[in-house]
Protein backbone atom coordinates (compact mmCIF):
# COMPACT_ATOMS: atom_id res chain seq x y z
CA UNK A 1 3.05 7.66 39.00
CA UNK A 2 5.52 4.67 38.80
CA UNK A 3 8.98 5.64 40.17
CA UNK A 4 11.51 5.69 37.50
CA UNK A 5 8.59 6.14 34.65
CA UNK A 6 8.72 9.75 33.24
CA UNK A 7 5.98 11.88 33.48
CA UNK A 8 3.95 14.24 31.01
CA UNK A 9 6.78 16.64 31.32
CA UNK A 10 9.75 14.28 31.36
CA UNK A 11 10.03 14.00 35.34
CA UNK A 12 10.32 11.11 37.44
CA UNK A 13 10.35 10.19 41.03
CA UNK A 14 14.19 9.11 41.14
CA UNK A 15 15.02 12.43 39.75
CA UNK A 16 17.59 10.30 37.69
CA UNK A 17 18.27 9.86 34.30
CA UNK A 18 17.41 6.08 33.80
CA UNK A 19 18.73 5.69 30.11
CA UNK A 20 21.75 3.82 29.72
CA UNK A 21 25.02 5.38 28.39
CA UNK A 22 28.62 3.83 28.29
CA UNK A 23 31.08 5.07 31.23
CA UNK A 24 33.35 6.49 28.93
CA UNK A 25 33.73 7.22 24.89
CA UNK A 26 36.63 6.39 23.11
CA UNK A 27 38.19 9.58 21.51
CA UNK A 28 40.68 9.27 18.67
CA UNK A 29 44.42 9.82 19.81
CA UNK A 30 45.65 13.13 18.72
CA UNK A 31 49.07 11.99 18.14
CA UNK A 32 50.32 8.56 16.93
CA UNK A 33 51.67 5.82 19.93
CA UNK A 34 55.26 5.80 20.22
CA UNK A 35 57.01 2.72 18.94
CA UNK A 36 57.34 -0.34 21.37
CA UNK A 37 61.27 -0.10 21.71
CA UNK A 38 61.26 3.88 22.22
CA UNK A 39 58.37 3.67 24.85
CA UNK A 40 60.34 0.69 26.75
CA UNK A 41 63.54 2.89 26.55
CA UNK A 42 61.38 5.89 27.78
CA UNK A 43 59.86 4.15 30.57
CA UNK A 44 63.35 2.71 31.72
CA UNK A 45 64.63 6.17 31.65
CA UNK A 46 61.91 7.73 33.66
CA UNK A 47 62.24 5.23 36.39
CA UNK A 48 66.10 5.67 36.56
CA UNK A 49 65.56 9.57 36.66
CA UNK A 50 63.34 9.40 39.32
CA UNK A 51 65.41 7.03 41.18
CA UNK A 52 68.52 9.30 40.84
CA UNK A 53 66.30 12.13 42.10
CA UNK A 54 65.27 10.36 45.20
CA UNK A 55 69.07 9.26 45.94
CA UNK A 56 70.17 12.89 45.10
CA UNK A 57 67.58 13.98 48.10
CA UNK A 58 68.69 11.41 50.45
CA UNK A 59 72.40 12.51 49.83
CA UNK A 60 71.57 16.00 50.59
CA UNK A 61 69.51 15.40 53.72
CA UNK A 62 71.94 13.16 55.03
CA UNK A 63 74.74 15.71 54.66
CA UNK A 64 72.43 18.31 56.34
CA UNK A 65 72.05 15.87 59.18
CA UNK A 66 75.79 15.03 59.26
CA UNK A 67 75.44 11.37 58.84
CA UNK A 68 77.99 9.10 58.01
CA UNK A 69 75.79 7.74 55.26
CA UNK A 70 76.29 11.12 53.47
CA UNK A 71 79.56 10.57 51.45
CA UNK A 72 78.69 7.07 50.06
CA UNK A 73 75.10 8.65 49.09
CA UNK A 74 76.96 11.37 47.31
CA UNK A 75 79.32 9.29 45.51
CA UNK A 76 76.40 6.98 44.47
CA UNK A 77 74.59 9.94 43.38
CA UNK A 78 77.10 10.92 41.02
CA UNK A 79 77.11 7.62 39.54
CA UNK A 80 73.56 7.33 39.06
CA UNK A 81 73.47 10.77 37.56
CA UNK A 82 75.82 9.19 34.66
CA UNK A 83 73.41 6.35 34.42
CA UNK A 84 70.40 8.44 34.10
CA UNK A 85 72.09 10.71 31.60
CA UNK A 86 72.91 7.53 29.63
CA UNK A 87 69.13 6.66 29.83
CA UNK A 88 67.88 9.75 28.59
CA UNK A 89 70.14 9.43 25.61
CA UNK A 90 69.22 6.05 25.16
CA UNK A 91 65.68 7.16 24.22
CA UNK A 92 67.08 9.63 21.64
CA UNK A 93 69.23 7.11 20.27
CA UNK A 94 66.71 4.33 20.18
CA UNK A 95 64.13 6.87 18.48
CA UNK A 96 66.62 7.60 15.72
CA UNK A 97 67.14 4.08 14.98
CA UNK A 98 63.82 3.31 14.72
CA UNK A 99 62.95 5.97 12.24
CA UNK A 100 66.10 5.07 10.33
CA UNK A 101 64.75 1.50 10.04
CA UNK A 102 61.30 1.83 9.76
CA UNK A 103 61.20 5.16 8.02
CA UNK A 104 58.45 7.85 8.31
CA UNK A 105 55.28 8.40 6.69
CA UNK A 106 55.65 11.79 5.44
CA UNK A 107 53.30 13.92 3.26
CA UNK A 108 54.31 16.32 0.79
CA UNK A 109 53.86 19.92 1.35
CA UNK A 110 51.26 21.81 -0.53
CA UNK A 111 54.28 23.80 -2.19
CA UNK A 112 55.55 20.40 -3.50
CA UNK A 113 52.35 18.95 -4.30
CA UNK A 114 51.54 22.18 -6.45
CA UNK A 115 55.14 21.98 -8.41
CA UNK A 116 54.56 18.50 -9.07
CA UNK A 117 51.06 19.10 -10.73
CA UNK A 118 52.60 21.67 -12.74
CA UNK A 119 55.48 19.52 -14.02
CA UNK A 120 52.65 16.80 -14.88
CA UNK A 121 50.64 19.22 -16.95
CA UNK A 122 53.70 20.35 -18.77
CA UNK A 123 54.88 16.78 -19.61
CA UNK A 124 51.14 16.14 -20.90
CA UNK A 125 50.94 19.46 -22.83
CA UNK A 126 54.55 18.78 -24.33
CA UNK A 127 53.78 16.00 -26.85
CA UNK A 128 50.35 17.60 -27.92
CA UNK A 129 52.29 20.67 -29.13
CA UNK A 130 55.17 18.95 -30.94
CA UNK A 131 54.45 18.24 -34.66
CA UNK A 132 53.15 14.57 -35.55
CA UNK A 133 56.08 12.36 -36.80
CA UNK A 134 58.47 14.52 -35.65
């Protein structure tokens, strides 16, 4: 039996599947991608918040150690917290502005669709019931 060639029952010497398959398969996204300005603001906010958390940890540990650096670190942590709050609010504001400028693609609910269908039928039926020439 040649190595790599399946035998009568599908076995082969290599004990491996030699058929070619892609390394990964693309799957459709479950959610739409964030708009670029919103994603940029979100990335910026995550980086700022991460740096602020590291800075807060440094301030805490230097305070425990009794280092001279504790007071400047604590002051800069307070300032960084204000900046981080502003960055998170910037994500929210950027998203609101993007939605206002570009709109959202909304679909009417089934209730709205049913009401619209009933109004359309009523409009079509109304001229047929009216007397001719009247």
